[in-house]
Every structure is written in structure tokens, then in C-alpha cells.
Amino acid sequence: MSEAKRYPAPKMVDRTCKRCKKPFQARAADVKRGWGLFCSKSCKAIKQEARTGQYAAFIERGQNSSEDREASYDAAYDEITGGWDEGGWRDDDSGVTTVRGAA
């Protein structure tokens, strides 16, 4: 069996976090792309929230429970399609037969 191929370690660049100002190392390829600005995902998220306010707007709109969302989806579906029986499943000509002795 052959040994696993070894890849060279990525080139690292010393950086300073744009939010917390702590030093950290980022990959040179990421810095070249314009990434590597923050030391962690949490620092990025905090800075982004301060810039956009998206999460605060989400909270302000209110968080619906899954039951509320499901009920609103069902109501919208019924309004669009006229209800779940739109295909005529309850009609006698649906081709669905009852089990013998059940009805």
C-alpha cells in the first residue's frame, strides 16, 4: 500500500482582528481573496450584525412557532388550491375501493 500524500502546510500571515483587535494568523490565500479580516466566526457575526441589523429586524418581526408557520402554510395552500380535496379524492369515481367487510 502507498502512503497518503502529504500536502505542505499553508502559508500563514499575521493579521489583527477588525473587531476585537487581537492578533491571529490567517491563510495567505484567504487574505488574497479579501478574507481573513476576523479572528473567529463570532467576531465576524458581531461586526456584521452591527453593520446590517438583520438579526434585530428578525427578532422585531417576531418568531413564529413551528405550529403557527405550519397553520399559515396550510391556510395559504387551501386558499390557492381550494382545499386538499381539489383532486376529487372523495368522489365515487376516484378509483379508490374500500376493503371488503370494512364498510
PDB file of N, CA and C in Angstrom:
ATOM      1  N   MET A   1       0.836  -1.190   0.000  1.00  0.00           N
ATOM      2  CA  MET A   1       0.000   0.000   0.000  1.00  0.00           C
ATOM      3  C   MET A   1       0.878   1.249   0.000  1.00  0.00           C
ATOM      4  N   SER A   2       0.359   2.261  -0.656  1.00  0.00           N
ATOM      5  CA  SER A   2       1.128   3.501  -0.703  1.00  0.00           C
ATOM      6  C   SER A   2       0.734   4.395   0.472  1.00  0.00           C
ATOM      7  N   GLU A   3       1.654   5.237   0.822  1.00  0.00           N
ATOM      8  CA  GLU A   3       1.380   6.170   1.917  1.00  0.00           C
ATOM      9  C   GLU A   3       0.498   7.314   1.416  1.00  0.00           C
ATOM     10  N   ALA A   4      -0.228   7.922   2.325  1.00  0.00           N
ATOM     11  CA  ALA A   4      -1.070   9.057   1.983  1.00  0.00           C
ATOM     12  C   ALA A   4      -0.201  10.225   1.545  1.00  0.00           C
ATOM     13  N   LYS A   5      -0.674  10.940   0.558  1.00  0.00           N
ATOM     14  CA  LYS A   5       0.074  12.083   0.053  1.00  0.00           C
ATOM     15  C   LYS A   5       0.079  13.193   1.096  1.00  0.00           C
ATOM     16  N   ARG A   6       1.229  13.754   1.306  1.00  0.00           N
ATOM     17  CA  ARG A   6       1.355  14.848   2.279  1.00  0.00           C
ATOM     18  C   ARG A   6       1.356  16.179   1.537  1.00  0.00           C
ATOM     19  N   TYR A   7       0.569  17.086   2.027  1.00  0.00           N
ATOM     20  CA  TYR A   7       0.499  18.408   1.447  1.00  0.00           C
ATOM     21  C   TYR A   7       1.292  19.374   2.318  1.00  0.00           C
ATOM     22  N   PRO A   8       1.922  20.362   1.706  1.00  0.00           N
ATOM     23  CA  PRO A   8       2.674  21.334   2.513  1.00  0.00           C
ATOM     24  C   PRO A   8       1.720  22.178   3.359  1.00  0.00           C
ATOM     25  N   ALA A   9       2.204  22.634   4.469  1.00  0.00           N
ATOM     26  CA  ALA A   9       1.394  23.494   5.343  1.00  0.00           C
ATOM     27  C   ALA A   9       1.096  24.802   4.613  1.00  0.00           C
ATOM     28  N   PRO A  10      -0.111  25.339   4.794  1.00  0.00           N
ATOM     29  CA  PRO A  10      -0.437  26.591   4.106  1.00  0.00           C
ATOM     30  C   PRO A  10       0.396  27.750   4.652  1.00  0.00           C
ATOM     31  N   LYS A  11       0.661  28.701   3.782  1.00  0.00           N
ATOM     32  CA  LYS A  11       1.404  29.890   4.205  1.00  0.00           C
ATOM     33  C   LYS A  11       0.470  30.754   5.052  1.00  0.00           C
ATOM     34  N   MET A  12       0.967  31.155   6.198  1.00  0.00           N
ATOM     35  CA  MET A  12       0.159  31.933   7.127  1.00  0.00           C
ATOM     36  C   MET A  12       0.680  33.367   7.195  1.00  0.00           C
ATOM     37  N   VAL A  13      -0.255  34.287   7.443  1.00  0.00           N
ATOM     38  CA  VAL A  13       0.058  35.707   7.527  1.00  0.00           C
ATOM     39  C   VAL A  13      -0.449  36.220   8.868  1.00  0.00           C
ATOM     40  N   ASP A  14       0.337  37.044   9.532  1.00  0.00           N
ATOM     41  CA  ASP A  14      -0.099  37.657  10.791  1.00  0.00           C
ATOM     42  C   ASP A  14      -1.097  38.771  10.494  1.00  0.00           C
ATOM     43  N   ARG A  15      -2.218  38.750  11.196  1.00  0.00           N
ATOM     44  CA  ARG A  15      -3.279  39.738  10.999  1.00  0.00           C
ATOM     45  C   ARG A  15      -3.767  40.238  12.360  1.00  0.00           C
ATOM     46  N   THR A  16      -4.578  41.287  12.351  1.00  0.00           N
ATOM     47  CA  THR A  16      -5.230  41.811  13.549  1.00  0.00           C
ATOM     48  C   THR A  16      -6.730  41.832  13.280  1.00  0.00           C
ATOM     49  N   CYS A  17      -7.496  41.293  14.198  1.00  0.00           N
ATOM     50  CA  CYS A  17      -8.948  41.209  14.043  1.00  0.00           C
ATOM     51  C   CYS A  17      -9.555  42.613  13.964  1.00  0.00           C
ATOM     52  N   LYS A  18     -10.476  42.807  13.024  1.00  0.00           N
ATOM     53  CA  LYS A  18     -11.112  44.120  12.845  1.00  0.00           C
ATOM     54  C   LYS A  18     -12.084  44.464  13.967  1.00  0.00           C
ATOM     55  N   ARG A  19     -12.515  43.458  14.734  1.00  0.00           N
ATOM     56  CA  ARG A  19     -13.450  43.722  15.818  1.00  0.00           C
ATOM     57  C   ARG A  19     -12.755  43.807  17.171  1.00  0.00           C
ATOM     58  N   CYS A  20     -12.096  42.727  17.576  1.00  0.00           N
ATOM     59  CA  CYS A  20     -11.530  42.679  18.929  1.00  0.00           C
ATOM     60  C   CYS A  20     -10.063  43.111  18.996  1.00  0.00           C
ATOM     61  N   LYS A  21      -9.457  43.349  17.853  1.00  0.00           N
ATOM     62  CA  LYS A  21      -8.071  43.842  17.746  1.00  0.00           C
ATOM     63  C   LYS A  21      -7.026  42.849  18.240  1.00  0.00           C
ATOM     64  N   LYS A  22      -7.398  41.577  18.392  1.00  0.00           N
ATOM     65  CA  LYS A  22      -6.433  40.562  18.807  1.00  0.00           C
ATOM     66  C   LYS A  22      -5.646  40.073  17.592  1.00  0.00           C
ATOM     67  N   PRO A  23      -4.379  39.749  17.782  1.00  0.00           N
ATOM     68  CA  PRO A  23      -3.604  39.191  16.670  1.00  0.00           C
ATOM     69  C   PRO A  23      -3.995  37.731  16.413  1.00  0.00           C
ATOM     70  N   PHE A  24      -3.973  37.341  15.146  1.00  0.00           N
ATOM     71  CA  PHE A  24      -4.243  35.959  14.765  1.00  0.00           C
ATOM     72  C   PHE A  24      -3.542  35.697  13.442  1.00  0.00           C
ATOM     73  N   GLN A  25      -3.516  34.436  13.039  1.00  0.00           N
ATOM     74  CA  GLN A  25      -2.907  34.079  11.767  1.00  0.00           C
ATOM     75  C   GLN A  25      -3.993  33.602  10.807  1.00  0.00           C
ATOM     76  N   ALA A  26      -3.899  34.088   9.578  1.00  0.00           N
ATOM     77  CA  ALA A  26      -4.834  33.685   8.532  1.00  0.00           C
ATOM     78  C   ALA A  26      -4.037  33.140   7.357  1.00  0.00           C
ATOM     79  N   ARG A  27      -4.677  32.289   6.578  1.00  0.00           N
ATOM     80  CA  ARG A  27      -4.009  31.763   5.392  1.00  0.00           C
ATOM     81  C   ARG A  27      -3.779  32.887   4.387  1.00  0.00           C
ATOM     82  N   ALA A  28      -2.622  32.879   3.748  1.00  0.00           N
ATOM     83  CA  ALA A  28      -2.279  33.909   2.762  1.00  0.00           C
ATOM     84  C   ALA A  28      -3.281  33.903   1.604  1.00  0.00           C
ATOM     85  N   ALA A  29      -3.733  32.717   1.189  1.00  0.00           N
ATOM     86  CA  ALA A  29      -4.710  32.623   0.096  1.00  0.00           C
ATOM     87  C   ALA A  29      -6.025  33.296   0.480  1.00  0.00           C
ATOM     88  N   ASP A  30      -6.443  33.176   1.743  1.00  0.00           N
ATOM     89  CA  ASP A  30      -7.676  33.820   2.201  1.00  0.00           C
ATOM     90  C   ASP A  30      -7.524  35.338   2.225  1.00  0.00           C
ATOM     91  N   VAL A  31      -6.372  35.816   2.672  1.00  0.00           N
ATOM     92  CA  VAL A  31      -6.118  37.256   2.706  1.00  0.00           C
ATOM     93  C   VAL A  31      -6.134  37.811   1.290  1.00  0.00           C
ATOM     94  N   LYS A  32      -5.568  37.066   0.355  1.00  0.00           N
ATOM     95  CA  LYS A  32      -5.536  37.498  -1.042  1.00  0.00           C
ATOM     96  C   LYS A  32      -6.950  37.635  -1.604  1.00  0.00           C
ATOM     97  N   ARG A  33      -7.892  36.796  -1.152  1.00  0.00           N
ATOM     98  CA  ARG A  33      -9.295  36.865  -1.579  1.00  0.00           C
ATOM     99  C   ARG A  33     -10.056  38.013  -0.926  1.00  0.00           C
ATOM    100  N   GLY A  34      -9.468  38.608   0.098  1.00  0.00           N
ATOM    101  CA  GLY A  34     -10.175  39.646   0.840  1.00  0.00           C
ATOM    102  C   GLY A  34     -10.787  39.118   2.121  1.00  0.00           C
ATOM    103  N   TRP A  35     -10.503  37.850   2.423  1.00  0.00           N
ATOM    104  CA  TRP A  35     -10.975  37.251   3.658  1.00  0.00           C
ATOM    105  C   TRP A  35      -9.910  37.446   4.732  1.00  0.00           C
ATOM    106  N   GLY A  36     -10.054  36.750   5.840  1.00  0.00           N
ATOM    107  CA  GLY A  36      -9.050  36.816   6.899  1.00  0.00           C
ATOM    108  C   GLY A  36      -9.061  38.131   7.640  1.00  0.00           C
ATOM    109  N   LEU A  37     -10.229  38.725   7.779  1.00  0.00           N
ATOM    110  CA  LEU A  37     -10.337  40.006   8.474  1.00  0.00           C
ATOM    111  C   LEU A  37     -10.663  39.849   9.950  1.00  0.00           C
ATOM    112  N   PHE A  38     -11.246  38.697  10.318  1.00  0.00           N
ATOM    113  CA  PHE A  38     -11.692  38.483  11.687  1.00  0.00           C
ATOM    114  C   PHE A  38     -11.037  37.222  12.251  1.00  0.00           C
ATOM    115  N   CYS A  39     -10.845  37.193  13.562  1.00  0.00           N
ATOM    116  CA  CYS A  39     -10.172  36.058  14.202  1.00  0.00           C
ATOM    117  C   CYS A  39     -11.093  34.860  14.382  1.00  0.00           C
ATOM    118  N   SER A  40     -12.418  35.072  14.361  1.00  0.00           N
ATOM    119  CA  SER A  40     -13.358  33.975  14.579  1.00  0.00           C
ATOM    120  C   SER A  40     -14.693  34.299  13.908  1.00  0.00           C
ATOM    121  N   LYS A  41     -15.530  33.278  13.806  1.00  0.00           N
ATOM    122  CA  LYS A  41     -16.863  33.473  13.240  1.00  0.00           C
ATOM    123  C   LYS A  41     -17.701  34.388  14.124  1.00  0.00           C
ATOM    124  N   SER A  42     -17.509  34.298  15.432  1.00  0.00           N
ATOM    125  CA  SER A  42     -18.307  35.138  16.329  1.00  0.00           C
ATOM    126  C   SER A  42     -17.953  36.614  16.167  1.00  0.00           C
ATOM    127  N   CYS A  43     -16.674  36.925  15.999  1.00  0.00           N
ATOM    128  CA  CYS A  43     -16.293  38.328  15.768  1.00  0.00           C
ATOM    129  C   CYS A  43     -16.874  38.829  14.456  1.00  0.00           C
ATOM    130  N   LYS A  44     -16.853  38.000  13.431  1.00  0.00           N
ATOM    131  CA  LYS A  44     -17.441  38.369  12.140  1.00  0.00           C
ATOM    132  C   LYS A  44     -18.936  38.618  12.286  1.00  0.00           C
ATOM    133  N   ALA A  45     -19.628  37.724  13.007  1.00  0.00           N
ATOM    134  CA  ALA A  45     -21.073  37.854  13.162  1.00  0.00           C
ATOM    135  C   ALA A  45     -21.438  39.115  13.938  1.00  0.00           C
ATOM    136  N   ILE A  46     -20.707  39.427  14.981  1.00  0.00           N
ATOM    137  CA  ILE A  46     -20.995  40.621  15.785  1.00  0.00           C
ATOM    138  C   ILE A  46     -20.803  41.881  14.953  1.00  0.00           C
ATOM    139  N   LYS A  47     -19.721  41.928  14.199  1.00  0.00           N
ATOM    140  CA  LYS A  47     -19.449  43.092  13.344  1.00  0.00           C
ATOM    141  C   LYS A  47     -20.501  43.218  12.242  1.00  0.00           C
ATOM    142  N   GLN A  48     -20.896  42.088  11.652  1.00  0.00           N
ATOM    143  CA  GLN A  48     -21.902  42.106  10.597  1.00  0.00           C
ATOM    144  C   GLN A  48     -23.258  42.545  11.129  1.00  0.00           C
ATOM    145  N   GLU A  49     -23.630  42.090  12.320  1.00  0.00           N
ATOM    146  CA  GLU A  49     -24.903  42.494  12.912  1.00  0.00           C
ATOM    147  C   GLU A  49     -24.912  43.990  13.199  1.00  0.00           C
ATOM    148  N   ALA A  50     -23.785  44.517  13.668  1.00  0.00           N
ATOM    149  CA  ALA A  50     -23.704  45.957  13.924  1.00  0.00           C
ATOM    150  C   ALA A  50     -23.864  46.743  12.625  1.00  0.00           C
ATOM    151  N   ARG A  51     -23.371  46.179  11.520  1.00  0.00           N
ATOM    152  CA  ARG A  51     -23.432  46.856  10.231  1.00  0.00           C
ATOM    153  C   ARG A  51     -24.813  46.756   9.587  1.00  0.00           C
ATOM    154  N   THR A  52     -25.447  45.554   9.644  1.00  0.00           N
ATOM    155  CA  THR A  52     -26.689  45.334   8.908  1.00  0.00           C
ATOM    156  C   THR A  52     -27.947  45.382   9.761  1.00  0.00           C
ATOM    157  N   GLY A  53     -27.873  44.918  11.007  1.00  0.00           N
ATOM    158  CA  GLY A  53     -29.055  44.877  11.864  1.00  0.00           C
ATOM    159  C   GLY A  53     -30.066  43.816  11.464  1.00  0.00           C
ATOM    160  N   GLN A  54     -29.642  42.796  10.712  1.00  0.00           N
ATOM    161  CA  GLN A  54     -30.577  41.785  10.220  1.00  0.00           C
ATOM    162  C   GLN A  54     -31.199  40.974  11.356  1.00  0.00           C
ATOM    163  N   TYR A  55     -30.415  40.566  12.321  1.00  0.00           N
ATOM    164  CA  TYR A  55     -30.958  39.733  13.392  1.00  0.00           C
ATOM    165  C   TYR A  55     -31.936  40.528  14.249  1.00  0.00           C
ATOM    166  N   ALA A  56     -31.621  41.777  14.527  1.00  0.00           N
ATOM    167  CA  ALA A  56     -32.532  42.617  15.307  1.00  0.00           C
ATOM    168  C   ALA A  56     -33.865  42.785  14.576  1.00  0.00           C
ATOM    169  N   ALA A  57     -33.823  42.930  13.257  1.00  0.00           N
ATOM    170  CA  ALA A  57     -35.050  43.056  12.472  1.00  0.00           C
ATOM    171  C   ALA A  57     -35.846  41.759  12.520  1.00  0.00           C
ATOM    172  N   PHE A  58     -35.149  40.618  12.509  1.00  0.00           N
ATOM    173  CA  PHE A  58     -35.810  39.323  12.591  1.00  0.00           C
ATOM    174  C   PHE A  58     -36.535  39.180  13.925  1.00  0.00           C
ATOM    175  N   ILE A  59     -35.881  39.562  15.001  1.00  0.00           N
ATOM    176  CA  ILE A  59     -36.488  39.484  16.333  1.00  0.00           C
ATOM    177  C   ILE A  59     -37.673  40.443  16.423  1.00  0.00           C
ATOM    178  N   GLU A  60     -37.536  41.620  15.850  1.00  0.00           N
ATOM    179  CA  GLU A  60     -38.617  42.609  15.894  1.00  0.00           C
ATOM    180  C   GLU A  60     -39.865  42.108  15.158  1.00  0.00           C
ATOM    181  N   ARG A  61     -39.666  41.385  14.040  1.00  0.00           N
ATOM    182  CA  ARG A  61     -40.806  40.827  13.303  1.00  0.00           C
ATOM    183  C   ARG A  61     -41.519  39.771  14.125  1.00  0.00           C
ATOM    184  N   GLY A  62     -40.799  39.134  15.026  1.00  0.00           N
ATOM    185  CA  GLY A  62     -41.383  38.104  15.865  1.00  0.00           C
ATOM    186  C   GLY A  62     -41.082  36.732  15.310  1.00  0.00           C
ATOM    187  N   GLN A  63     -40.815  35.825  16.206  1.00  0.00           N
ATOM    188  CA  GLN A  63     -40.511  34.458  15.810  1.00  0.00           C
ATOM    189  C   GLN A  63     -41.771  33.632  15.981  1.00  0.00           C
ATOM    190  N   ASN A  64     -42.277  33.115  14.895  1.00  0.00           N
ATOM    191  CA  ASN A  64     -43.451  32.258  14.958  1.00  0.00           C
ATOM    192  C   ASN A  64     -43.024  30.855  15.352  1.00  0.00           C
ATOM    193  N   SER A  65     -43.878  30.191  16.099  1.00  0.00           N
ATOM    194  CA  SER A  65     -43.594  28.801  16.426  1.00  0.00           C
ATOM    195  C   SER A  65     -43.814  27.959  15.176  1.00  0.00           C
ATOM    196  N   SER A  66     -43.313  26.752  15.181  1.00  0.00           N
ATOM    197  CA  SER A  66     -43.455  25.893  14.009  1.00  0.00           C
ATOM    198  C   SER A  66     -44.928  25.579  13.741  1.00  0.00           C
ATOM    199  N   GLU A  67     -45.752  25.478  14.800  1.00  0.00           N
ATOM    200  CA  GLU A  67     -47.178  25.220  14.601  1.00  0.00           C
ATOM    201  C   GLU A  67     -47.845  26.404  13.906  1.00  0.00           C
ATOM    202  N   ASP A  68     -47.473  27.623  14.291  1.00  0.00           N
ATOM    203  CA  ASP A  68     -48.049  28.807  13.658  1.00  0.00           C
ATOM    204  C   ASP A  68     -47.667  28.873  12.182  1.00  0.00           C
ATOM    205  N   ARG A  69     -46.387  28.581  11.882  1.00  0.00           N
ATOM    206  CA  ARG A  69     -45.938  28.600  10.495  1.00  0.00           C
ATOM    207  C   ARG A  69     -46.665  27.539   9.679  1.00  0.00           C
ATOM    208  N   GLU A  70     -46.806  26.339  10.247  1.00  0.00           N
ATOM    209  CA  GLU A  70     -47.477  25.256   9.533  1.00  0.00           C
ATOM    210  C   GLU A  70     -48.935  25.608   9.260  1.00  0.00           C
ATOM    211  N   ALA A  71     -49.601  26.218  10.231  1.00  0.00           N
ATOM    212  CA  ALA A  71     -51.003  26.605  10.048  1.00  0.00           C
ATOM    213  C   ALA A  71     -51.121  27.676   8.964  1.00  0.00           C
ATOM    214  N   SER A  72     -50.189  28.620   8.936  1.00  0.00           N
ATOM    215  CA  SER A  72     -50.259  29.661   7.911  1.00  0.00           C
ATOM    216  C   SER A  72     -49.965  29.086   6.533  1.00  0.00           C
ATOM    217  N   TYR A  73     -49.040  28.120   6.432  1.00  0.00           N
ATOM    218  CA  TYR A  73     -48.774  27.466   5.152  1.00  0.00           C
ATOM    219  C   TYR A  73     -50.001  26.689   4.689  1.00  0.00           C
ATOM    220  N   ASP A  74     -50.647  25.966   5.613  1.00  0.00           N
ATOM    221  CA  ASP A  74     -51.848  25.207   5.272  1.00  0.00           C
ATOM    222  C   ASP A  74     -52.959  26.127   4.788  1.00  0.00           C
ATOM    223  N   ALA A  75     -53.139  27.249   5.469  1.00  0.00           N
ATOM    224  CA  ALA A  75     -54.184  28.190   5.081  1.00  0.00           C
ATOM    225  C   ALA A  75     -53.892  28.770   3.697  1.00  0.00           C
ATOM    226  N   ALA A  76     -52.649  29.102   3.424  1.00  0.00           N
ATOM    227  CA  ALA A  76     -52.280  29.645   2.121  1.00  0.00           C
ATOM    228  C   ALA A  76     -52.478  28.596   1.033  1.00  0.00           C
ATOM    229  N   TYR A  77     -52.116  27.339   1.322  1.00  0.00           N
ATOM    230  CA  TYR A  77     -52.295  26.255   0.350  1.00  0.00           C
ATOM    231  C   TYR A  77     -53.775  26.039   0.050  1.00  0.00           C
ATOM    232  N   ASP A  78     -54.600  26.034   1.100  1.00  0.00           N
ATOM    233  CA  ASP A  78     -56.044  25.859   0.913  1.00  0.00           C
ATOM    234  C   ASP A  78     -56.635  26.997   0.093  1.00  0.00           C
ATOM    235  N   GLU A  79     -56.128  28.215   0.317  1.00  0.00           N
ATOM    236  CA  GLU A  79     -56.632  29.362  -0.428  1.00  0.00           C
ATOM    237  C   GLU A  79     -56.266  29.256  -1.902  1.00  0.00           C
ATOM    238  N   ILE A  80     -55.068  28.784  -2.184  1.00  0.00           N
ATOM    239  CA  ILE A  80     -54.610  28.678  -3.570  1.00  0.00           C
ATOM    240  C   ILE A  80     -55.310  27.542  -4.299  1.00  0.00           C
ATOM    241  N   THR A  81     -55.387  26.385  -3.650  1.00  0.00           N
ATOM    242  CA  THR A  81     -55.875  25.186  -4.332  1.00  0.00           C
ATOM    243  C   THR A  81     -57.351  24.911  -4.097  1.00  0.00           C
ATOM    244  N   GLY A  82     -57.961  25.585  -3.178  1.00  0.00           N
ATOM    245  CA  GLY A  82     -59.355  25.321  -2.866  1.00  0.00           C
ATOM    246  C   GLY A  82     -59.519  24.175  -1.884  1.00  0.00           C
ATOM    247  N   GLY A  83     -58.463  23.763  -1.241  1.00  0.00           N
ATOM    248  CA  GLY A  83     -58.527  22.697  -0.246  1.00  0.00           C
ATOM    249  C   GLY A  83     -57.852  21.433  -0.726  1.00  0.00           C
ATOM    250  N   TRP A  84     -57.688  20.501   0.165  1.00  0.00           N
ATOM    251  CA  TRP A  84     -56.948  19.280  -0.171  1.00  0.00           C
ATOM    252  C   TRP A  84     -57.743  18.342  -1.045  1.00  0.00           C
ATOM    253  N   ASP A  85     -59.058  18.536  -1.162  1.00  0.00           N
ATOM    254  CA  ASP A  85     -59.903  17.644  -1.959  1.00  0.00           C
ATOM    255  C   ASP A  85     -60.028  18.128  -3.401  1.00  0.00           C
ATOM    256  N   GLU A  86     -59.161  19.008  -3.817  1.00  0.00           N
ATOM    257  CA  GLU A  86     -59.231  19.575  -5.157  1.00  0.00           C
ATOM    258  C   GLU A  86     -59.186  18.494  -6.232  1.00  0.00           C
ATOM    259  N   GLY A  87     -58.458  17.410  -5.999  1.00  0.00           N
ATOM    260  CA  GLY A  87     -58.331  16.361  -6.993  1.00  0.00           C
ATOM    261  C   GLY A  87     -59.518  15.431  -7.048  1.00  0.00           C
ATOM    262  N   GLY A  88     -60.522  15.587  -6.212  1.00  0.00           N
ATOM    263  CA  GLY A  88     -61.699  14.753  -6.235  1.00  0.00           C
ATOM    264  C   GLY A  88     -61.509  13.403  -5.575  1.00  0.00           C
ATOM    265  N   TRP A  89     -60.659  13.321  -4.578  1.00  0.00           N
ATOM    266  CA  TRP A  89     -60.372  12.043  -3.929  1.00  0.00           C
ATOM    267  C   TRP A  89     -61.577  11.482  -3.185  1.00  0.00           C
ATOM    268  N   ARG A  90     -62.510  12.337  -2.815  1.00  0.00           N
ATOM    269  CA  ARG A  90     -63.672  11.851  -2.073  1.00  0.00           C
ATOM    270  C   ARG A  90     -64.787  11.373  -2.999  1.00  0.00           C
ATOM    271  N   ASP A  91     -64.692  11.697  -4.284  1.00  0.00           N
ATOM    272  CA  ASP A  91     -65.754  11.314  -5.221  1.00  0.00           C
ATOM    273  C   ASP A  91     -65.762   9.809  -5.441  1.00  0.00           C
ATOM    274  N   ASP A  92     -66.912   9.302  -5.863  1.00  0.00           N
ATOM    275  CA  ASP A  92     -67.049   7.865  -6.111  1.00  0.00           C
ATOM    276  C   ASP A  92     -66.230   7.395  -7.300  1.00  0.00           C
ATOM    277  N   ASP A  93     -65.935   8.283  -8.257  1.00  0.00           N
ATOM    278  CA  ASP A  93     -65.205   7.876  -9.444  1.00  0.00           C
ATOM    279  C   ASP A  93     -63.690   8.006  -9.290  1.00  0.00           C
ATOM    280  N   SER A  94     -63.217   8.062  -8.051  1.00  0.00           N
ATOM    281  CA  SER A  94     -61.785   8.235  -7.829  1.00  0.00           C
ATOM    282  C   SER A  94     -60.994   6.974  -8.109  1.00  0.00           C
ATOM    283  N   GLY A  95     -61.653   5.818  -8.157  1.00  0.00           N
ATOM    284  CA  GLY A  95     -60.936   4.572  -8.375  1.00  0.00           C
ATOM    285  C   GLY A  95     -60.469   3.935  -7.082  1.00  0.00           C
ATOM    286  N   VAL A  96     -60.713   4.585  -5.953  1.00  0.00           N
ATOM    287  CA  VAL A  96     -60.317   4.036  -4.667  1.00  0.00           C
ATOM    288  C   VAL A  96     -61.448   3.130  -4.192  1.00  0.00           C
ATOM    289  N   THR A  97     -61.081   1.927  -3.826  1.00  0.00           N
ATOM    290  CA  THR A  97     -62.097   0.991  -3.335  1.00  0.00           C
ATOM    291  C   THR A  97     -61.916   0.758  -1.854  1.00  0.00           C
ATOM    292  N   THR A  98     -62.988   0.388  -1.197  1.00  0.00           N
ATOM    293  CA  THR A  98     -62.904   0.098   0.231  1.00  0.00           C
ATOM    294  C   THR A  98     -62.506  -1.358   0.425  1.00  0.00           C
ATOM    295  N   VAL A  99     -61.967  -1.661   1.552  1.00  0.00           N
ATOM    296  CA  VAL A  99     -61.615  -3.031   1.893  1.00  0.00           C
ATOM    297  C   VAL A  99     -62.906  -3.797   2.155  1.00  0.00           C
ATOM    298  N   ARG A 100     -62.982  -5.000   1.671  1.00  0.00           N
ATOM    299  CA  ARG A 100     -64.203  -5.792   1.849  1.00  0.00           C
ATOM    300  C   ARG A 100     -64.492  -5.999   3.329  1.00  0.00           C
ATOM    301  N   GLY A 101     -65.709  -5.796   3.666  1.00  0.00           N
ATOM    302  CA  GLY A 101     -66.134  -6.012   5.037  1.00  0.00           C
ATOM    303  C   GLY A 101     -65.884  -4.820   5.942  1.00  0.00           C
ATOM    304  N   ALA A 102     -65.133  -3.803   5.468  1.00  0.00           N
ATOM    305  CA  ALA A 102     -64.842  -2.640   6.302  1.00  0.00           C
ATOM    306  C   ALA A 102     -65.973  -1.632   6.262  1.00  0.00           C
ATOM    307  N   ALA A 103     -66.696  -1.566   5.168  1.00  0.00           N
ATOM    308  CA  ALA A 103     -67.718  -0.546   5.077  1.00  0.00           C
ATOM    309  C   ALA A 103     -69.099  -1.080   4.978  1.00  0.00           C
TER     310      ALA A 103
END
